[in-house]
Amino acid sequence: MRGSDDRGQAYTLEGIIGAMVLLTAVLMALNSAVLLPSTSGTIDRGVQSDVGQQATDVLKIADEQGSLSETLRCWDTTNASFYGANGADGTYGYSNPMDNSLGTMLNKTFSERFNSYSLRASYRTASGVDGRGLDIVEQGNALRKSITVTHTVTLYEDQNLTASCNGGDADTGEGLREAYYGGDGTHDREDGDYPIPPAAPESSNIYNVVEVRLTIIW
């Protein structure tokens, strides 16, 4: 039995090391690529394709790390905003960026090369997709030239809100459904209730399926 436990621990350690190596390699590759729009604001199609692939890779890695799910659950019910966000609408911006691994990758990869980026979530309700969605990061006007990529994240009933977006273990102990309905059993966004609703029965393991949209703007 001990041999099996040792092998299991070894496989787990190998998986963690492998993920760290992959993340480091991708960050090095992203940082080494010089993908800047011209002084006229244009960017050729080849570079657009590269930027789109980079954006896709960042979201994929963040999902595999758990940072994307963490970001969606990083809600401060006291201030009715994402935890640490001080924007008027409760979003992250230039002066208050996300301080987790997703925020680090986005800032290193795009903020230092392009004008800005935005991050938005569209979530499902019992009747379909909520068209309003939820803004997470707002750094620029998406009506300007931009590239948008998407990634789907599943939130689960047994997950809780996180108290900060620093990538650490900051589980608040408050479940997503509990946070959505608040203390009185009814949802009120103005009171700080969690904005993403349950889209499945409580008996289901799945809480909601969220589409995250990353837009790079220049």
N, C-alpha and C. Protein backbone atom coordinates (compact mmCIF):
# COMPACT_ATOMS: atom_id res chain seq x y z
N MET A 1 0.82 -1.20 0.00
CA MET A 1 0.00 0.00 0.00
C MET A 1 0.86 1.26 0.00
N ARG A 2 1.94 1.20 0.76
CA ARG A 2 2.82 2.37 0.82
C ARG A 2 3.41 2.66 -0.55
N GLY A 3 3.77 1.58 -1.29
CA GLY A 3 4.33 1.78 -2.63
C GLY A 3 3.34 2.48 -3.53
N SER A 4 2.04 2.11 -3.44
CA SER A 4 1.02 2.75 -4.26
C SER A 4 0.87 4.22 -3.89
N ASP A 5 0.88 4.50 -2.55
CA ASP A 5 0.78 5.90 -2.12
C ASP A 5 1.95 6.72 -2.62
N ASP A 6 3.15 6.14 -2.53
CA ASP A 6 4.34 6.85 -3.00
C ASP A 6 4.24 7.15 -4.49
N ARG A 7 3.76 6.14 -5.25
CA ARG A 7 3.64 6.37 -6.69
C ARG A 7 2.61 7.45 -6.98
N GLY A 8 1.49 7.43 -6.23
CA GLY A 8 0.47 8.44 -6.43
C GLY A 8 1.00 9.83 -6.14
N GLN A 9 1.77 9.96 -5.04
CA GLN A 9 2.35 11.25 -4.71
C GLN A 9 3.35 11.69 -5.77
N ALA A 10 4.09 10.73 -6.29
CA ALA A 10 5.07 11.05 -7.33
C ALA A 10 4.38 11.54 -8.59
N TYR A 11 3.27 10.87 -8.98
CA TYR A 11 2.54 11.30 -10.16
C TYR A 11 1.95 12.70 -9.96
N THR A 12 1.43 12.96 -8.75
CA THR A 12 0.88 14.29 -8.47
C THR A 12 1.96 15.36 -8.57
N LEU A 13 3.13 15.07 -7.98
CA LEU A 13 4.24 16.02 -8.03
C LEU A 13 4.69 16.25 -9.46
N GLU A 14 4.74 15.17 -10.25
CA GLU A 14 5.13 15.32 -11.66
C GLU A 14 4.14 16.19 -12.40
N GLY A 15 2.84 16.02 -12.09
CA GLY A 15 1.83 16.83 -12.75
C GLY A 15 1.97 18.30 -12.42
N ILE A 16 2.23 18.60 -11.14
CA ILE A 16 2.40 19.99 -10.72
C ILE A 16 3.62 20.61 -11.38
N ILE A 17 4.73 19.86 -11.37
CA ILE A 17 5.96 20.36 -11.99
C ILE A 17 5.75 20.58 -13.48
N GLY A 18 5.04 19.63 -14.12
CA GLY A 18 4.79 19.76 -15.55
C GLY A 18 3.98 21.01 -15.87
N ALA A 19 2.96 21.30 -15.04
CA ALA A 19 2.14 22.49 -15.26
C ALA A 19 2.96 23.76 -15.08
N MET A 20 3.86 23.75 -14.08
CA MET A 20 4.71 24.92 -13.85
C MET A 20 5.66 25.15 -15.01
N VAL A 21 6.22 24.07 -15.53
CA VAL A 21 7.13 24.18 -16.67
C VAL A 21 6.40 24.72 -17.88
N LEU A 22 5.16 24.21 -18.12
CA LEU A 22 4.38 24.66 -19.26
C LEU A 22 4.06 26.15 -19.14
N LEU A 23 3.64 26.57 -17.96
CA LEU A 23 3.31 27.98 -17.75
C LEU A 23 4.54 28.86 -17.98
N THR A 24 5.68 28.45 -17.43
CA THR A 24 6.90 29.23 -17.60
C THR A 24 7.29 29.34 -19.07
N ALA A 25 7.16 28.23 -19.80
CA ALA A 25 7.51 28.23 -21.22
C ALA A 25 6.61 29.15 -22.01
N VAL A 26 5.31 29.11 -21.71
CA VAL A 26 4.37 29.96 -22.44
C VAL A 26 4.63 31.43 -22.14
N LEU A 27 4.86 31.75 -20.86
CA LEU A 27 5.14 33.14 -20.51
C LEU A 27 6.40 33.65 -21.18
N MET A 28 7.43 32.80 -21.25
CA MET A 28 8.66 33.20 -21.92
C MET A 28 8.40 33.44 -23.40
N ALA A 29 7.60 32.57 -24.00
CA ALA A 29 7.30 32.73 -25.43
C ALA A 29 6.49 33.99 -25.68
N LEU A 30 5.52 34.25 -24.79
CA LEU A 30 4.70 35.44 -24.96
C LEU A 30 5.52 36.70 -24.78
N ASN A 31 6.40 36.70 -23.80
CA ASN A 31 7.21 37.88 -23.53
C ASN A 31 8.25 38.12 -24.61
N SER A 32 8.64 37.09 -25.33
CA SER A 32 9.66 37.25 -26.36
C SER A 32 9.08 37.71 -27.68
N ALA A 33 7.77 37.63 -27.84
CA ALA A 33 7.14 38.01 -29.10
C ALA A 33 6.84 39.50 -29.08
N VAL A 34 7.31 40.21 -30.07
CA VAL A 34 7.05 41.63 -30.17
C VAL A 34 5.91 41.83 -31.15
N LEU A 35 4.71 42.05 -30.62
CA LEU A 35 3.53 42.16 -31.45
C LEU A 35 2.88 43.52 -31.20
N LEU A 36 3.37 44.52 -31.87
CA LEU A 36 2.89 45.87 -31.65
C LEU A 36 2.16 46.39 -32.88
N PRO A 37 1.06 47.12 -32.69
CA PRO A 37 0.43 47.77 -33.82
C PRO A 37 1.32 48.89 -34.34
N SER A 38 1.10 49.29 -35.57
CA SER A 38 1.90 50.36 -36.14
C SER A 38 1.48 51.70 -35.54
N THR A 39 2.22 52.74 -35.89
CA THR A 39 1.90 54.07 -35.36
C THR A 39 0.53 54.54 -35.83
N SER A 40 0.03 53.99 -36.93
CA SER A 40 -1.29 54.38 -37.43
C SER A 40 -2.40 53.59 -36.75
N GLY A 41 -2.01 52.64 -35.88
CA GLY A 41 -3.01 51.87 -35.15
C GLY A 41 -3.40 50.59 -35.86
N THR A 42 -2.79 50.32 -37.01
CA THR A 42 -3.14 49.10 -37.74
C THR A 42 -2.26 47.95 -37.31
N ILE A 43 -2.71 46.76 -37.59
CA ILE A 43 -1.95 45.57 -37.24
C ILE A 43 -2.25 44.52 -38.31
N ASP A 44 -1.23 43.89 -38.88
CA ASP A 44 -1.48 43.00 -40.00
C ASP A 44 -2.17 41.72 -39.55
N ARG A 45 -2.74 41.00 -40.51
CA ARG A 45 -3.57 39.85 -40.18
C ARG A 45 -2.77 38.73 -39.54
N GLY A 46 -1.52 38.59 -39.95
CA GLY A 46 -0.69 37.55 -39.35
C GLY A 46 -0.48 37.80 -37.87
N VAL A 47 -0.21 39.05 -37.53
CA VAL A 47 -0.03 39.41 -36.13
C VAL A 47 -1.35 39.29 -35.37
N GLN A 48 -2.46 39.66 -36.01
CA GLN A 48 -3.77 39.49 -35.38
C GLN A 48 -4.00 38.04 -34.99
N SER A 49 -3.64 37.14 -35.90
CA SER A 49 -3.80 35.71 -35.63
C SER A 49 -2.94 35.28 -34.45
N ASP A 50 -1.70 35.78 -34.40
CA ASP A 50 -0.80 35.45 -33.29
C ASP A 50 -1.35 35.96 -31.96
N VAL A 51 -1.87 37.19 -31.97
CA VAL A 51 -2.42 37.76 -30.75
C VAL A 51 -3.63 36.96 -30.28
N GLY A 52 -4.48 36.57 -31.24
CA GLY A 52 -5.63 35.76 -30.90
C GLY A 52 -5.23 34.43 -30.28
N GLN A 53 -4.18 33.81 -30.82
CA GLN A 53 -3.71 32.53 -30.27
C GLN A 53 -3.13 32.72 -28.88
N GLN A 54 -2.39 33.81 -28.68
CA GLN A 54 -1.84 34.10 -27.36
C GLN A 54 -2.95 34.29 -26.33
N ALA A 55 -3.98 35.03 -26.72
CA ALA A 55 -5.11 35.26 -25.81
C ALA A 55 -5.80 33.95 -25.46
N THR A 56 -5.97 33.10 -26.47
CA THR A 56 -6.58 31.78 -26.24
C THR A 56 -5.74 30.96 -25.28
N ASP A 57 -4.42 30.98 -25.47
CA ASP A 57 -3.51 30.21 -24.61
C ASP A 57 -3.56 30.70 -23.17
N VAL A 58 -3.61 32.01 -22.99
CA VAL A 58 -3.65 32.56 -21.63
C VAL A 58 -4.90 32.08 -20.89
N LEU A 59 -6.06 32.13 -21.56
CA LEU A 59 -7.29 31.68 -20.92
C LEU A 59 -7.26 30.18 -20.63
N LYS A 60 -6.69 29.42 -21.55
CA LYS A 60 -6.61 27.97 -21.36
C LYS A 60 -5.73 27.63 -20.16
N ILE A 61 -4.56 28.27 -20.07
CA ILE A 61 -3.65 28.00 -18.95
C ILE A 61 -4.29 28.43 -17.63
N ALA A 62 -4.94 29.60 -17.64
CA ALA A 62 -5.60 30.09 -16.42
C ALA A 62 -6.70 29.13 -15.97
N ASP A 63 -7.39 28.54 -16.93
CA ASP A 63 -8.43 27.56 -16.59
C ASP A 63 -7.81 26.32 -15.98
N GLU A 64 -6.73 25.82 -16.58
CA GLU A 64 -6.07 24.62 -16.06
C GLU A 64 -5.50 24.86 -14.67
N GLN A 65 -5.05 26.06 -14.40
CA GLN A 65 -4.50 26.42 -13.08
C GLN A 65 -5.59 26.59 -12.03
N GLY A 66 -6.80 26.87 -12.48
CA GLY A 66 -7.88 27.19 -11.56
C GLY A 66 -8.04 28.68 -11.34
N SER A 67 -7.16 29.48 -11.94
CA SER A 67 -7.19 30.92 -11.74
C SER A 67 -8.41 31.57 -12.41
N LEU A 68 -8.88 30.98 -13.51
CA LEU A 68 -10.04 31.54 -14.20
C LEU A 68 -11.30 31.35 -13.35
N SER A 69 -11.45 30.16 -12.80
CA SER A 69 -12.58 29.90 -11.90
C SER A 69 -12.48 30.78 -10.66
N GLU A 70 -11.29 30.90 -10.12
CA GLU A 70 -11.07 31.74 -8.94
C GLU A 70 -11.51 33.17 -9.21
N THR A 71 -11.16 33.69 -10.38
CA THR A 71 -11.52 35.06 -10.73
C THR A 71 -13.03 35.24 -10.75
N LEU A 72 -13.74 34.27 -11.31
CA LEU A 72 -15.20 34.35 -11.38
C LEU A 72 -15.85 34.28 -10.00
N ARG A 73 -15.15 33.68 -9.05
CA ARG A 73 -15.69 33.51 -7.69
C ARG A 73 -15.14 34.54 -6.70
N CYS A 74 -14.34 35.45 -7.20
CA CYS A 74 -13.67 36.43 -6.32
C CYS A 74 -14.59 37.63 -6.09
N TRP A 75 -15.69 37.38 -5.42
CA TRP A 75 -16.72 38.41 -5.24
C TRP A 75 -16.81 38.85 -3.79
N ASP A 76 -16.79 40.15 -3.59
CA ASP A 76 -16.87 40.74 -2.25
C ASP A 76 -18.32 41.16 -2.00
N THR A 77 -19.06 40.38 -1.22
CA THR A 77 -20.47 40.66 -0.98
C THR A 77 -20.68 41.93 -0.14
N THR A 78 -19.67 42.34 0.59
CA THR A 78 -19.79 43.55 1.40
C THR A 78 -19.79 44.81 0.54
N ASN A 79 -18.91 44.84 -0.47
CA ASN A 79 -18.76 46.02 -1.31
C ASN A 79 -19.41 45.88 -2.68
N ALA A 80 -20.08 44.75 -2.92
CA ALA A 80 -20.78 44.52 -4.19
C ALA A 80 -19.85 44.72 -5.38
N SER A 81 -18.68 44.13 -5.31
CA SER A 81 -17.70 44.25 -6.38
C SER A 81 -16.75 43.06 -6.34
N PHE A 82 -15.94 42.95 -7.37
CA PHE A 82 -14.89 41.95 -7.31
C PHE A 82 -13.91 42.36 -6.22
N TYR A 83 -13.40 41.38 -5.52
CA TYR A 83 -12.56 41.65 -4.35
C TYR A 83 -11.30 42.43 -4.76
N GLY A 84 -11.11 43.60 -4.17
CA GLY A 84 -9.96 44.42 -4.49
C GLY A 84 -10.19 45.39 -5.62
N ALA A 85 -11.34 45.29 -6.31
CA ALA A 85 -11.65 46.22 -7.40
C ALA A 85 -12.27 47.47 -6.82
N ASN A 86 -11.79 48.63 -7.25
CA ASN A 86 -12.35 49.87 -6.72
C ASN A 86 -12.93 50.77 -7.80
N GLY A 87 -13.18 50.17 -8.98
CA GLY A 87 -13.81 50.94 -10.03
C GLY A 87 -15.24 51.30 -9.66
N ALA A 88 -15.78 52.34 -10.27
CA ALA A 88 -17.13 52.79 -9.95
C ALA A 88 -18.16 51.68 -10.19
N ASP A 89 -17.87 50.81 -11.15
CA ASP A 89 -18.80 49.73 -11.46
C ASP A 89 -18.34 48.40 -10.88
N GLY A 90 -17.36 48.42 -9.98
CA GLY A 90 -16.92 47.19 -9.32
C GLY A 90 -16.00 46.33 -10.14
N THR A 91 -15.38 46.90 -11.17
CA THR A 91 -14.48 46.13 -12.04
C THR A 91 -13.02 46.50 -11.77
N TYR A 92 -12.12 45.69 -12.33
CA TYR A 92 -10.69 45.98 -12.27
C TYR A 92 -10.32 46.89 -13.43
N GLY A 93 -9.28 47.70 -13.23
CA GLY A 93 -8.83 48.61 -14.28
C GLY A 93 -7.34 48.84 -14.21
N TYR A 94 -6.88 49.94 -14.79
CA TYR A 94 -5.44 50.25 -14.79
C TYR A 94 -4.91 50.45 -13.37
N SER A 95 -5.67 51.17 -12.56
CA SER A 95 -5.18 51.52 -11.22
C SER A 95 -5.36 50.39 -10.21
N ASN A 96 -6.18 49.41 -10.54
CA ASN A 96 -6.42 48.30 -9.61
C ASN A 96 -6.54 46.99 -10.38
N PRO A 97 -5.42 46.51 -10.94
CA PRO A 97 -5.46 45.27 -11.74
C PRO A 97 -5.68 44.04 -10.87
N MET A 98 -6.12 42.98 -11.51
CA MET A 98 -6.26 41.70 -10.80
C MET A 98 -4.89 41.25 -10.33
N ASP A 99 -4.80 40.86 -9.07
CA ASP A 99 -3.52 40.45 -8.51
C ASP A 99 -3.51 38.94 -8.31
N ASN A 100 -3.72 38.22 -9.40
CA ASN A 100 -3.60 36.76 -9.36
C ASN A 100 -2.86 36.31 -10.62
N SER A 101 -2.71 35.02 -10.81
CA SER A 101 -1.91 34.55 -11.94
C SER A 101 -2.54 34.93 -13.28
N LEU A 102 -3.88 34.94 -13.36
CA LEU A 102 -4.53 35.37 -14.59
C LEU A 102 -4.21 36.84 -14.86
N GLY A 103 -4.33 37.69 -13.85
CA GLY A 103 -4.01 39.10 -14.02
C GLY A 103 -2.57 39.32 -14.43
N THR A 104 -1.66 38.55 -13.84
CA THR A 104 -0.24 38.67 -14.18
C THR A 104 0.00 38.32 -15.65
N MET A 105 -0.58 37.21 -16.10
CA MET A 105 -0.40 36.81 -17.50
C MET A 105 -0.99 37.84 -18.45
N LEU A 106 -2.18 38.34 -18.15
CA LEU A 106 -2.82 39.33 -19.02
C LEU A 106 -2.02 40.62 -19.08
N ASN A 107 -1.56 41.09 -17.93
CA ASN A 107 -0.81 42.35 -17.90
C ASN A 107 0.54 42.24 -18.58
N LYS A 108 1.25 41.13 -18.33
CA LYS A 108 2.56 40.93 -18.95
C LYS A 108 2.45 40.74 -20.46
N THR A 109 1.41 40.04 -20.87
CA THR A 109 1.29 39.68 -22.28
C THR A 109 0.70 40.79 -23.12
N PHE A 110 -0.29 41.52 -22.59
CA PHE A 110 -1.03 42.46 -23.42
C PHE A 110 -0.92 43.92 -22.98
N SER A 111 -0.98 44.21 -21.70
CA SER A 111 -0.95 45.62 -21.27
C SER A 111 0.36 46.30 -21.64
N GLU A 112 1.46 45.53 -21.68
CA GLU A 112 2.76 46.11 -22.00
C GLU A 112 2.98 46.25 -23.50
N ARG A 113 2.08 45.69 -24.33
CA ARG A 113 2.26 45.73 -25.78
C ARG A 113 1.13 46.46 -26.50
N PHE A 114 -0.05 46.43 -25.91
CA PHE A 114 -1.21 47.04 -26.54
C PHE A 114 -1.81 48.08 -25.59
N ASN A 115 -2.81 48.78 -26.07
CA ASN A 115 -3.39 49.83 -25.24
C ASN A 115 -4.12 49.27 -24.02
N SER A 116 -4.90 48.24 -24.21
CA SER A 116 -5.73 47.76 -23.11
C SER A 116 -6.36 46.42 -23.45
N TYR A 117 -7.07 45.88 -22.47
CA TYR A 117 -7.86 44.67 -22.68
C TYR A 117 -9.07 44.72 -21.77
N SER A 118 -10.07 43.92 -22.09
CA SER A 118 -11.24 43.80 -21.22
C SER A 118 -11.56 42.33 -21.04
N LEU A 119 -12.19 42.02 -19.92
CA LEU A 119 -12.57 40.65 -19.60
C LEU A 119 -14.03 40.67 -19.16
N ARG A 120 -14.83 39.83 -19.77
CA ARG A 120 -16.28 39.84 -19.52
C ARG A 120 -16.79 38.41 -19.44
N ALA A 121 -17.78 38.19 -18.59
CA ALA A 121 -18.37 36.86 -18.44
C ALA A 121 -19.84 36.88 -18.83
N SER A 122 -20.26 35.89 -19.60
CA SER A 122 -21.67 35.68 -19.91
C SER A 122 -22.09 34.38 -19.27
N TYR A 123 -23.13 34.41 -18.46
CA TYR A 123 -23.52 33.23 -17.71
C TYR A 123 -24.93 32.80 -18.07
N ARG A 124 -25.22 31.55 -17.78
CA ARG A 124 -26.52 30.98 -18.10
C ARG A 124 -27.50 31.15 -16.94
N THR A 125 -28.76 31.30 -17.31
CA THR A 125 -29.84 31.26 -16.33
C THR A 125 -30.68 30.02 -16.63
N ALA A 126 -31.75 29.83 -15.90
CA ALA A 126 -32.60 28.67 -16.15
C ALA A 126 -33.21 28.72 -17.54
N SER A 127 -33.31 29.93 -18.12
CA SER A 127 -33.93 30.09 -19.44
C SER A 127 -32.92 30.33 -20.56
N GLY A 128 -31.63 30.34 -20.26
CA GLY A 128 -30.64 30.55 -21.30
C GLY A 128 -29.53 31.48 -20.86
N VAL A 129 -28.89 32.14 -21.83
CA VAL A 129 -27.76 33.02 -21.54
C VAL A 129 -28.24 34.43 -21.22
N ASP A 130 -27.76 34.99 -20.14
CA ASP A 130 -28.07 36.36 -19.76
C ASP A 130 -27.32 37.31 -20.68
N GLY A 131 -28.04 38.11 -21.46
CA GLY A 131 -27.40 38.98 -22.43
C GLY A 131 -26.57 40.09 -21.80
N ARG A 132 -26.89 40.47 -20.55
CA ARG A 132 -26.14 41.56 -19.92
C ARG A 132 -24.73 41.13 -19.56
N GLY A 133 -24.61 39.97 -18.98
CA GLY A 133 -23.30 39.47 -18.60
C GLY A 133 -22.71 40.23 -17.43
N LEU A 134 -21.42 40.05 -17.25
CA LEU A 134 -20.73 40.62 -16.09
C LEU A 134 -19.35 41.10 -16.50
N ASP A 135 -19.08 42.39 -16.35
CA ASP A 135 -17.76 42.95 -16.65
C ASP A 135 -16.81 42.67 -15.49
N ILE A 136 -15.62 42.18 -15.81
CA ILE A 136 -14.61 41.87 -14.80
C ILE A 136 -13.46 42.88 -14.87
N VAL A 137 -12.94 43.09 -16.07
CA VAL A 137 -11.87 44.08 -16.29
C VAL A 137 -12.31 45.03 -17.39
N GLU A 138 -12.18 46.33 -17.14
CA GLU A 138 -12.48 47.34 -18.14
C GLU A 138 -11.30 48.29 -18.24
N GLN A 139 -10.59 48.25 -19.37
CA GLN A 139 -9.44 49.13 -19.55
C GLN A 139 -9.54 50.00 -20.80
N GLY A 140 -10.56 49.77 -21.62
CA GLY A 140 -10.62 50.54 -22.85
C GLY A 140 -11.95 50.38 -23.54
N ASN A 141 -12.10 51.12 -24.64
CA ASN A 141 -13.33 51.12 -25.43
C ASN A 141 -13.28 50.02 -26.46
N ALA A 142 -14.14 49.02 -26.32
CA ALA A 142 -14.13 47.88 -27.23
C ALA A 142 -14.61 48.24 -28.63
N LEU A 143 -15.10 49.48 -28.83
CA LEU A 143 -15.52 49.90 -30.16
C LEU A 143 -14.31 50.21 -31.03
N ARG A 144 -13.14 50.32 -30.42
CA ARG A 144 -11.92 50.51 -31.19
C ARG A 144 -11.51 49.18 -31.79
N LYS A 145 -10.38 49.15 -32.52
CA LYS A 145 -9.93 47.92 -33.14
C LYS A 145 -9.58 46.90 -32.06
N SER A 146 -10.04 45.68 -32.25
CA SER A 146 -9.87 44.69 -31.19
C SER A 146 -9.94 43.27 -31.73
N ILE A 147 -9.50 42.34 -30.88
CA ILE A 147 -9.61 40.90 -31.14
C ILE A 147 -10.24 40.28 -29.90
N THR A 148 -11.22 39.42 -30.09
CA THR A 148 -11.90 38.79 -28.96
C THR A 148 -11.81 37.27 -29.06
N VAL A 149 -11.49 36.63 -27.94
CA VAL A 149 -11.49 35.16 -27.86
C VAL A 149 -12.34 34.77 -26.66
N THR A 150 -12.82 33.53 -26.65
CA THR A 150 -13.68 33.07 -25.56
C THR A 150 -13.19 31.75 -24.99
N HIS A 151 -13.59 31.49 -23.76
CA HIS A 151 -13.26 30.22 -23.10
C HIS A 151 -14.38 29.91 -22.11
N THR A 152 -14.79 28.65 -22.06
CA THR A 152 -15.89 28.24 -21.19
C THR A 152 -15.37 27.65 -19.88
N VAL A 153 -15.96 28.08 -18.78
CA VAL A 153 -15.57 27.63 -17.44
C VAL A 153 -16.81 27.09 -16.72
N THR A 154 -16.66 25.96 -16.06
CA THR A 154 -17.75 25.39 -15.28
C THR A 154 -17.55 25.69 -13.80
N LEU A 155 -18.58 26.25 -13.19
CA LEU A 155 -18.59 26.46 -11.74
C LEU A 155 -19.41 25.35 -11.10
N TYR A 156 -18.99 24.90 -9.93
CA TYR A 156 -19.62 23.74 -9.29
C TYR A 156 -20.27 24.12 -7.96
N GLU A 157 -21.28 23.33 -7.60
CA GLU A 157 -22.04 23.59 -6.37
C GLU A 157 -21.17 23.55 -5.12
N ASP A 158 -20.13 22.74 -5.13
CA ASP A 158 -19.31 22.60 -3.92
C ASP A 158 -18.19 23.65 -3.84
N GLN A 159 -18.17 24.60 -4.77
CA GLN A 159 -17.17 25.67 -4.72
C GLN A 159 -17.70 26.85 -3.90
N ASN A 160 -16.77 27.61 -3.33
CA ASN A 160 -17.12 28.78 -2.53
C ASN A 160 -16.55 30.05 -3.14
N LEU A 161 -17.01 31.18 -2.64
CA LEU A 161 -16.40 32.45 -3.00
C LEU A 161 -14.98 32.49 -2.44
N THR A 162 -14.12 33.27 -3.08
CA THR A 162 -12.77 33.48 -2.57
C THR A 162 -12.68 34.91 -2.04
N ALA A 163 -11.87 35.11 -1.02
CA ALA A 163 -11.80 36.41 -0.35
C ALA A 163 -10.85 37.37 -1.04
N SER A 164 -10.01 36.88 -1.95
CA SER A 164 -9.09 37.76 -2.66
C SER A 164 -8.72 37.11 -3.99
N CYS A 165 -8.13 37.90 -4.85
CA CYS A 165 -7.71 37.39 -6.16
C CYS A 165 -6.19 37.39 -6.24
N ASN A 166 -5.56 36.81 -5.24
CA ASN A 166 -4.09 36.77 -5.23
C ASN A 166 -3.55 35.38 -5.48
N GLY A 167 -4.42 34.45 -5.91
CA GLY A 167 -3.97 33.11 -6.22
C GLY A 167 -3.75 32.24 -5.00
N GLY A 168 -3.98 32.77 -3.81
CA GLY A 168 -3.77 32.00 -2.59
C GLY A 168 -5.02 31.26 -2.15
N ASP A 169 -4.91 30.54 -1.04
CA ASP A 169 -6.03 29.80 -0.50
C ASP A 169 -6.83 30.74 0.38
N ALA A 170 -7.88 31.34 -0.18
CA ALA A 170 -8.65 32.34 0.54
C ALA A 170 -10.13 32.00 0.48
N ASP A 171 -10.47 30.75 0.70
CA ASP A 171 -11.84 30.27 0.67
C ASP A 171 -12.63 30.94 1.79
N THR A 172 -13.75 31.59 1.45
CA THR A 172 -14.55 32.27 2.46
C THR A 172 -15.48 31.33 3.20
N GLY A 173 -15.70 30.15 2.64
CA GLY A 173 -16.64 29.22 3.24
C GLY A 173 -18.08 29.48 2.84
N GLU A 174 -18.31 30.50 2.03
CA GLU A 174 -19.66 30.84 1.58
C GLU A 174 -19.90 30.25 0.19
N GLY A 175 -20.87 29.35 0.08
CA GLY A 175 -21.17 28.71 -1.19
C GLY A 175 -21.73 29.68 -2.21
N LEU A 176 -21.64 29.32 -3.49
CA LEU A 176 -22.09 30.20 -4.56
C LEU A 176 -23.59 30.44 -4.50
N ARG A 177 -24.37 29.38 -4.31
CA ARG A 177 -25.82 29.53 -4.25
C ARG A 177 -26.24 30.37 -3.04
N GLU A 178 -25.59 30.12 -1.92
CA GLU A 178 -25.85 30.89 -0.70
C GLU A 178 -25.53 32.37 -0.93
N ALA A 179 -24.41 32.64 -1.60
CA ALA A 179 -24.00 34.02 -1.86
C ALA A 179 -24.92 34.71 -2.85
N TYR A 180 -25.50 33.95 -3.78
CA TYR A 180 -26.41 34.54 -4.77
C TYR A 180 -27.72 34.98 -4.13
N TYR A 181 -28.25 34.15 -3.25
CA TYR A 181 -29.55 34.46 -2.64
C TYR A 181 -29.43 35.31 -1.38
N GLY A 182 -28.24 35.47 -0.85
CA GLY A 182 -28.06 36.33 0.31
C GLY A 182 -28.67 35.75 1.57
N GLY A 183 -28.65 36.56 2.62
CA GLY A 183 -29.12 36.08 3.91
C GLY A 183 -30.63 35.90 4.00
N ASP A 184 -31.40 36.61 3.14
CA ASP A 184 -32.85 36.53 3.24
C ASP A 184 -33.47 35.58 2.22
N GLY A 185 -32.64 34.88 1.46
CA GLY A 185 -33.16 33.91 0.51
C GLY A 185 -33.64 34.49 -0.81
N THR A 186 -33.42 35.78 -1.03
CA THR A 186 -33.78 36.42 -2.30
C THR A 186 -32.55 37.12 -2.87
N HIS A 187 -32.50 37.25 -4.18
CA HIS A 187 -31.33 37.86 -4.82
C HIS A 187 -31.51 39.37 -4.95
N ASP A 188 -30.50 40.11 -4.52
CA ASP A 188 -30.49 41.57 -4.66
C ASP A 188 -29.06 42.00 -4.95
N ARG A 189 -28.78 42.31 -6.20
CA ARG A 189 -27.43 42.70 -6.61
C ARG A 189 -26.97 43.95 -5.86
N GLU A 190 -27.90 44.86 -5.59
CA GLU A 190 -27.54 46.11 -4.92
C GLU A 190 -27.04 45.86 -3.50
N ASP A 191 -27.46 44.76 -2.91
CA ASP A 191 -27.02 44.42 -1.56
C ASP A 191 -25.70 43.66 -1.55
N GLY A 192 -25.15 43.44 -2.74
CA GLY A 192 -23.86 42.77 -2.83
C GLY A 192 -23.93 41.29 -3.12
N ASP A 193 -25.13 40.77 -3.37
CA ASP A 193 -25.25 39.34 -3.64
C ASP A 193 -24.44 38.95 -4.88
N TYR A 194 -23.93 37.73 -4.87
CA TYR A 194 -23.11 37.21 -5.98
C TYR A 194 -23.91 37.30 -7.28
N PRO A 195 -23.34 37.88 -8.34
CA PRO A 195 -24.11 38.16 -9.55
C PRO A 195 -24.39 36.96 -10.46
N ILE A 196 -23.59 35.91 -10.38
CA ILE A 196 -23.80 34.77 -11.28
C ILE A 196 -24.82 33.82 -10.66
N PRO A 197 -25.94 33.58 -11.33
CA PRO A 197 -27.01 32.78 -10.73
C PRO A 197 -26.79 31.28 -10.90
N PRO A 198 -27.49 30.47 -10.10
CA PRO A 198 -27.47 29.03 -10.34
C PRO A 198 -28.28 28.72 -11.59
N ALA A 199 -27.76 27.88 -12.46
CA ALA A 199 -28.45 27.56 -13.71
C ALA A 199 -28.93 26.12 -13.75
N ALA A 200 -28.81 25.43 -12.63
CA ALA A 200 -29.22 24.02 -12.56
C ALA A 200 -29.80 23.77 -11.18
N PRO A 201 -30.56 22.68 -11.01
CA PRO A 201 -31.11 22.35 -9.69
C PRO A 201 -30.00 22.19 -8.66
N GLU A 202 -30.35 22.41 -7.40
CA GLU A 202 -29.36 22.31 -6.33
C GLU A 202 -28.79 20.91 -6.22
N SER A 203 -29.56 19.91 -6.65
CA SER A 203 -29.09 18.53 -6.59
C SER A 203 -28.01 18.23 -7.62
N SER A 204 -27.88 19.13 -8.61
CA SER A 204 -26.86 18.95 -9.64
C SER A 204 -25.50 19.37 -9.10
N ASN A 205 -24.45 18.74 -9.60
CA ASN A 205 -23.10 19.12 -9.18
C ASN A 205 -22.65 20.41 -9.84
N ILE A 206 -23.27 20.76 -10.97
CA ILE A 206 -22.89 21.95 -11.73
C ILE A 206 -23.72 23.15 -11.27
N TYR A 207 -23.04 24.25 -10.98
CA TYR A 207 -23.72 25.49 -10.58
C TYR A 207 -24.06 26.34 -11.80
N ASN A 208 -23.08 26.54 -12.68
CA ASN A 208 -23.30 27.32 -13.89
C ASN A 208 -22.16 27.07 -14.87
N VAL A 209 -22.43 27.33 -16.14
CA VAL A 209 -21.41 27.27 -17.19
C VAL A 209 -21.24 28.69 -17.72
N VAL A 210 -20.03 29.21 -17.59
CA VAL A 210 -19.77 30.63 -17.88
C VAL A 210 -18.85 30.76 -19.09
N GLU A 211 -19.20 31.65 -20.00
CA GLU A 211 -18.34 31.97 -21.13
C GLU A 211 -17.55 33.23 -20.81
N VAL A 212 -16.24 33.11 -20.78
CA VAL A 212 -15.36 34.26 -20.52
C VAL A 212 -14.87 34.82 -21.85
N ARG A 213 -15.04 36.12 -22.05
CA ARG A 213 -14.64 36.78 -23.29
C ARG A 213 -13.49 37.75 -23.00
N LEU A 214 -12.36 37.50 -23.64
CA LEU A 214 -11.18 38.36 -23.50
C LEU A 214 -11.02 39.17 -24.78
N THR A 215 -11.03 40.48 -24.67
CA THR A 215 -10.89 41.37 -25.82
C THR A 215 -9.60 42.18 -25.68
N ILE A 216 -8.73 42.07 -26.68
CA ILE A 216 -7.49 42.84 -26.73
C ILE A 216 -7.75 44.06 -27.61
N ILE A 217 -7.47 45.26 -27.08
CA ILE A 217 -7.82 46.50 -27.76
C ILE A 217 -6.55 47.31 -28.04
N TRP A 218 -6.48 47.91 -29.23
CA TRP A 218 -5.35 48.80 -29.52
C TRP A 218 -5.81 50.03 -30.30
